[in-house]
C-alpha atoms as a PDB file:
ATOM      1  CA  MET A   1      96.530 -13.173-229.193  1.00  0.00           C
ATOM      2  CA  VAL A   2      93.657 -15.399-230.242  1.00  0.00           C
ATOM      3  CA  VAL A   3      91.048 -13.162-228.601  1.00  0.00           C
ATOM      4  CA  LEU A   4      91.956 -10.214-230.803  1.00  0.00           C
ATOM      5  CA  GLN A   5      92.403 -12.059-234.096  1.00  0.00           C
ATOM      6  CA  ALA A   6      88.680 -12.665-234.557  1.00  0.00           C
ATOM      7  CA  GLU A   7      88.024  -8.989-235.344  1.00  0.00           C
ATOM      8  CA  SER A   8      89.600  -6.430-237.594  1.00  0.00           C
ATOM      9  CA  GLU A   9      91.668  -3.620-236.179  1.00  0.00           C
ATOM     10  CA  GLU A  10      89.116  -1.089-237.463  1.00  0.00           C
ATOM     11  CA  SER A  11      86.226  -2.929-235.813  1.00  0.00           C
ATOM     12  CA  LEU A  12      88.016  -2.854-232.455  1.00  0.00           C
ATOM     13  CA  ASN A  13      88.900   0.809-232.919  1.00  0.00           C
ATOM     14  CA  GLN A  14      85.248   1.655-233.587  1.00  0.00           C
ATOM     15  CA  LEU A  15      84.151  -0.290-230.516  1.00  0.00           C
ATOM     16  CA  PHE A  16      86.513   1.437-228.125  1.00  0.00           C
ATOM     17  CA  ARG A  17      86.118   4.875-229.742  1.00  0.00           C
ATOM     18  CA  ALA A  18      82.386   4.560-229.164  1.00  0.00           C
ATOM     19  CA  LEU A  19      82.938   3.653-225.512  1.00  0.00           C
ATOM     20  CA  ALA A  20      85.477   6.459-224.996  1.00  0.00           C
ATOM     21  CA  ASP A  21      82.837   9.188-224.746  1.00  0.00           C
ATOM     22  CA  GLY A  22      80.807   9.747-221.574  1.00  0.00           C
ATOM     23  CA  THR A  23      77.614  10.730-223.386  1.00  0.00           C
ATOM     24  CA  ARG A  24      77.749   7.577-225.497  1.00  0.00           C
ATOM     25  CA  ARG A  25      78.356   5.424-222.405  1.00  0.00           C
ATOM     26  CA  ASP A  26      75.331   7.075-220.785  1.00  0.00           C
ATOM     27  CA  ILE A  27      73.173   6.450-223.873  1.00  0.00           C
ATOM     28  CA  LEU A  28      74.312   2.822-223.822  1.00  0.00           C
ATOM     29  CA  ALA A  29      73.506   2.525-220.106  1.00  0.00           C
ATOM     30  CA  ARG A  30      70.027   3.971-220.653  1.00  0.00           C
ATOM     31  CA  SER A  31      69.366   1.551-223.495  1.00  0.00           C
ATOM     32  CA  LEU A  32      70.270  -1.361-221.208  1.00  0.00           C
ATOM     33  CA  THR A  33      67.278  -0.722-218.949  1.00  0.00           C
ATOM     34  CA  GLU A  34      64.810   0.844-221.358  1.00  0.00           C
ATOM     35  CA  THR A  35      64.156   1.264-225.066  1.00  0.00           C
ATOM     36  CA  PRO A  36      64.243   5.030-225.498  1.00  0.00           C
ATOM     37  CA  SER A  37      63.582   6.850-228.719  1.00  0.00           C
ATOM     38  CA  VAL A  38      66.284   9.113-230.090  1.00  0.00           C
ATOM     39  CA  SER A  39      63.941  12.022-229.240  1.00  0.00           C
ATOM     40  CA  ASP A  40      63.687  10.837-225.616  1.00  0.00           C
ATOM     41  CA  LEU A  41      67.458  10.645-225.427  1.00  0.00           C
ATOM     42  CA  ALA A  42      67.888  14.106-226.934  1.00  0.00           C
ATOM     43  CA  ALA A  43      65.586  15.598-224.283  1.00  0.00           C
ATOM     44  CA  ARG A  44      67.920  14.320-221.540  1.00  0.00           C
ATOM     45  CA  TYR A  45      71.065  16.075-222.696  1.00  0.00           C
ATOM     46  CA  GLU A  46      72.029  19.719-222.993  1.00  0.00           C
ATOM     47  CA  MET A  47      72.948  19.409-226.647  1.00  0.00           C
ATOM     48  CA  SER A  48      71.133  19.568-229.928  1.00  0.00           C
ATOM     49  CA  PHE A  49      69.028  16.747-231.316  1.00  0.00           C
ATOM     50  CA  ALA A  50      71.553  16.452-234.175  1.00  0.00           C
ATOM     51  CA  ALA A  51      74.431  16.010-231.699  1.00  0.00           C
ATOM     52  CA  VAL A  52      72.580  13.178-229.928  1.00  0.00           C
ATOM     53  CA  GLN A  53      71.825  11.600-233.306  1.00  0.00           C
ATOM     54  CA  LYS A  54      75.551  11.642-234.067  1.00  0.00           C
ATOM     55  CA  HIS A  55      76.349   9.912-230.760  1.00  0.00           C
ATOM     56  CA  VAL A  56      73.705   7.285-231.515  1.00  0.00           C
ATOM     57  CA  ALA A  57      75.166   6.798-234.997  1.00  0.00           C
ATOM     58  CA  VAL A  58      78.653   6.184-233.565  1.00  0.00           C
ATOM     59  CA  LEU A  59      77.231   3.569-231.182  1.00  0.00           C
ATOM     60  CA  GLU A  60      75.296   1.987-234.027  1.00  0.00           C
ATOM     61  CA  ARG A  61      78.345   1.801-236.325  1.00  0.00           C
ATOM     62  CA  ALA A  62      80.281   0.159-233.503  1.00  0.00           C
ATOM     63  CA  GLY A  63      77.495  -2.420-233.236  1.00  0.00           C
ATOM     64  CA  LEU A  64      76.690  -1.530-229.617  1.00  0.00           C
ATOM     65  CA  ILE A  65      73.098  -0.474-230.274  1.00  0.00           C
ATOM     66  CA  GLN A  66      70.405  -0.996-232.875  1.00  0.00           C
ATOM     67  CA  LYS A  67      67.684   1.387-233.950  1.00  0.00           C
ATOM     68  CA  ARG A  68      64.279   0.219-235.054  1.00  0.00           C
ATOM     69  CA  PRO A  69      61.434   2.315-236.363  1.00  0.00           C
ATOM     70  CA  ASN A  70      58.327   2.778-234.248  1.00  0.00           C
ATOM     71  CA  GLY A  71      56.007   5.072-236.158  1.00  0.00           C
ATOM     72  CA  ARG A  72      57.876   8.327-236.676  1.00  0.00           C
ATOM     73  CA  GLU A  73      60.424   7.583-233.959  1.00  0.00           C
ATOM     74  CA  GLN A  74      63.553   5.457-233.842  1.00  0.00           C
ATOM     75  CA  LEU A  75      63.842   3.241-230.755  1.00  0.00           C
ATOM     76  CA  VAL A  76      67.298   2.444-229.420  1.00  0.00           C
ATOM     77  CA  SER A  77      68.223  -0.908-227.877  1.00  0.00           C
ATOM     78  CA  THR A  78      71.506  -2.458-226.773  1.00  0.00           C
ATOM     79  CA  ASN A  79      73.247  -5.179-228.732  1.00  0.00           C
ATOM     80  CA  TYR A  80      74.161  -7.318-225.718  1.00  0.00           C
ATOM     81  CA  ALA A  81      76.448  -9.637-227.692  1.00  0.00           C
ATOM     82  CA  ARG A  82      78.615  -6.736-228.856  1.00  0.00           C
ATOM     83  CA  LEU A  83      78.720  -5.231-225.366  1.00  0.00           C
ATOM     84  CA  GLN A  84      79.728  -8.622-224.008  1.00  0.00           C
ATOM     85  CA  ARG A  85      82.500  -8.761-226.628  1.00  0.00           C
ATOM     86  CA  ALA A  86      83.870  -5.460-225.328  1.00  0.00           C
ATOM     87  CA  GLY A  87      83.874  -6.959-221.829  1.00  0.00           C
ATOM     88  CA  GLU A  88      85.725 -10.047-223.055  1.00  0.00           C
ATOM     89  CA  LEU A  89      88.406  -7.915-224.664  1.00  0.00           C
ATOM     90  CA  LEU A  90      88.850  -5.856-221.503  1.00  0.00           C
ATOM     91  CA  ASP A  91      89.032  -9.071-219.455  1.00  0.00           C
ATOM     92  CA  HIS A  92      91.745 -10.314-221.800  1.00  0.00           C
ATOM     93  CA  PHE A  93      93.797  -7.147-221.335  1.00  0.00           C
ATOM     94  CA  GLU A  94      93.265  -7.304-217.576  1.00  0.00           C
ATOM     95  CA  SER A  95      94.568 -10.873-217.560  1.00  0.00           C
ATOM     96  CA  ILE A  96      97.742  -9.769-219.361  1.00  0.00           C
ATOM     97  CA  TRP A  97      98.154  -6.892-216.934  1.00  0.00           C
ATOM     98  CA  ARG A  98      97.731  -9.173-213.922  1.00  0.00           C
ATOM     99  CA  GLN A  99     100.320 -11.613-215.302  1.00  0.00           C
ATOM    100  CA  ARG A 100     102.805  -8.801-215.752  1.00  0.00           C
ATOM    101  CA  MET A 101     102.165  -7.492-212.242  1.00  0.00           C
ATOM    102  CA  ALA A 102     102.710 -11.005-210.848  1.00  0.00           C
ATOM    103  CA  GLN A 103     106.013 -11.207-212.722  1.00  0.00           C
ATOM    104  CA  LEU A 104     107.009  -7.821-211.308  1.00  0.00           C
ATOM    105  CA  ASP A 105     106.118  -9.049-207.805  1.00  0.00           C
ATOM    106  CA  ASP A 106     108.418 -12.029-208.350  1.00  0.00           C
ATOM    107  CA  VAL A 107     111.272  -9.718-209.279  1.00  0.00           C
ATOM    108  CA  LEU A 108     110.710  -7.216-206.476  1.00  0.00           C
ATOM    109  CA  GLN A 109     109.959  -9.617-203.625  1.00  0.00           C
ATOM    110  CA  PRO A 110     113.066 -10.489-201.625  1.00  0.00           C
ATOM    111  CA  LYS A 111     113.903 -14.142-201.909  1.00  0.00           C
ATOM    112  CA  GLU A 112     114.072 -16.020-198.629  1.00  0.00           C
ATOM    113  CA  THR A 113     117.107 -18.206-198.123  1.00  0.00           C
END
C-alpha cells in the first residue's frame, strides 16, 4: 500500500483519532470558513474553555489546524494540505472497498450460458 507507507502508523492514528470526535469535526469545519479564536470557539459549545482548548490541541497535534497569536488570543486556521491527505487516505480505502464489492458481484451474479 504505497499510499499508507508515506506516513507513520502513529501519525495516521492521530489524524483519524482527531477526526473521530464530532466537536473536533465541527471546530475543523468552522475553521474552514473563518479564522476563529479559541475563545470564540469556546463560546459556541456547552463545555468549558479548557475542554475546547483540549479539542483544539488534539487537532493541532494531528496537523489539521494551526494556531497563531493575535494579541492575547490564539486564532485557529485549517491546514488544508493535511485535511486533503485525510481525504486521499479515505479515497484509497474506498477504492479497495469498491474493488472487493465488484469481486463479490462477480461471484454472486449468475453466469449466463
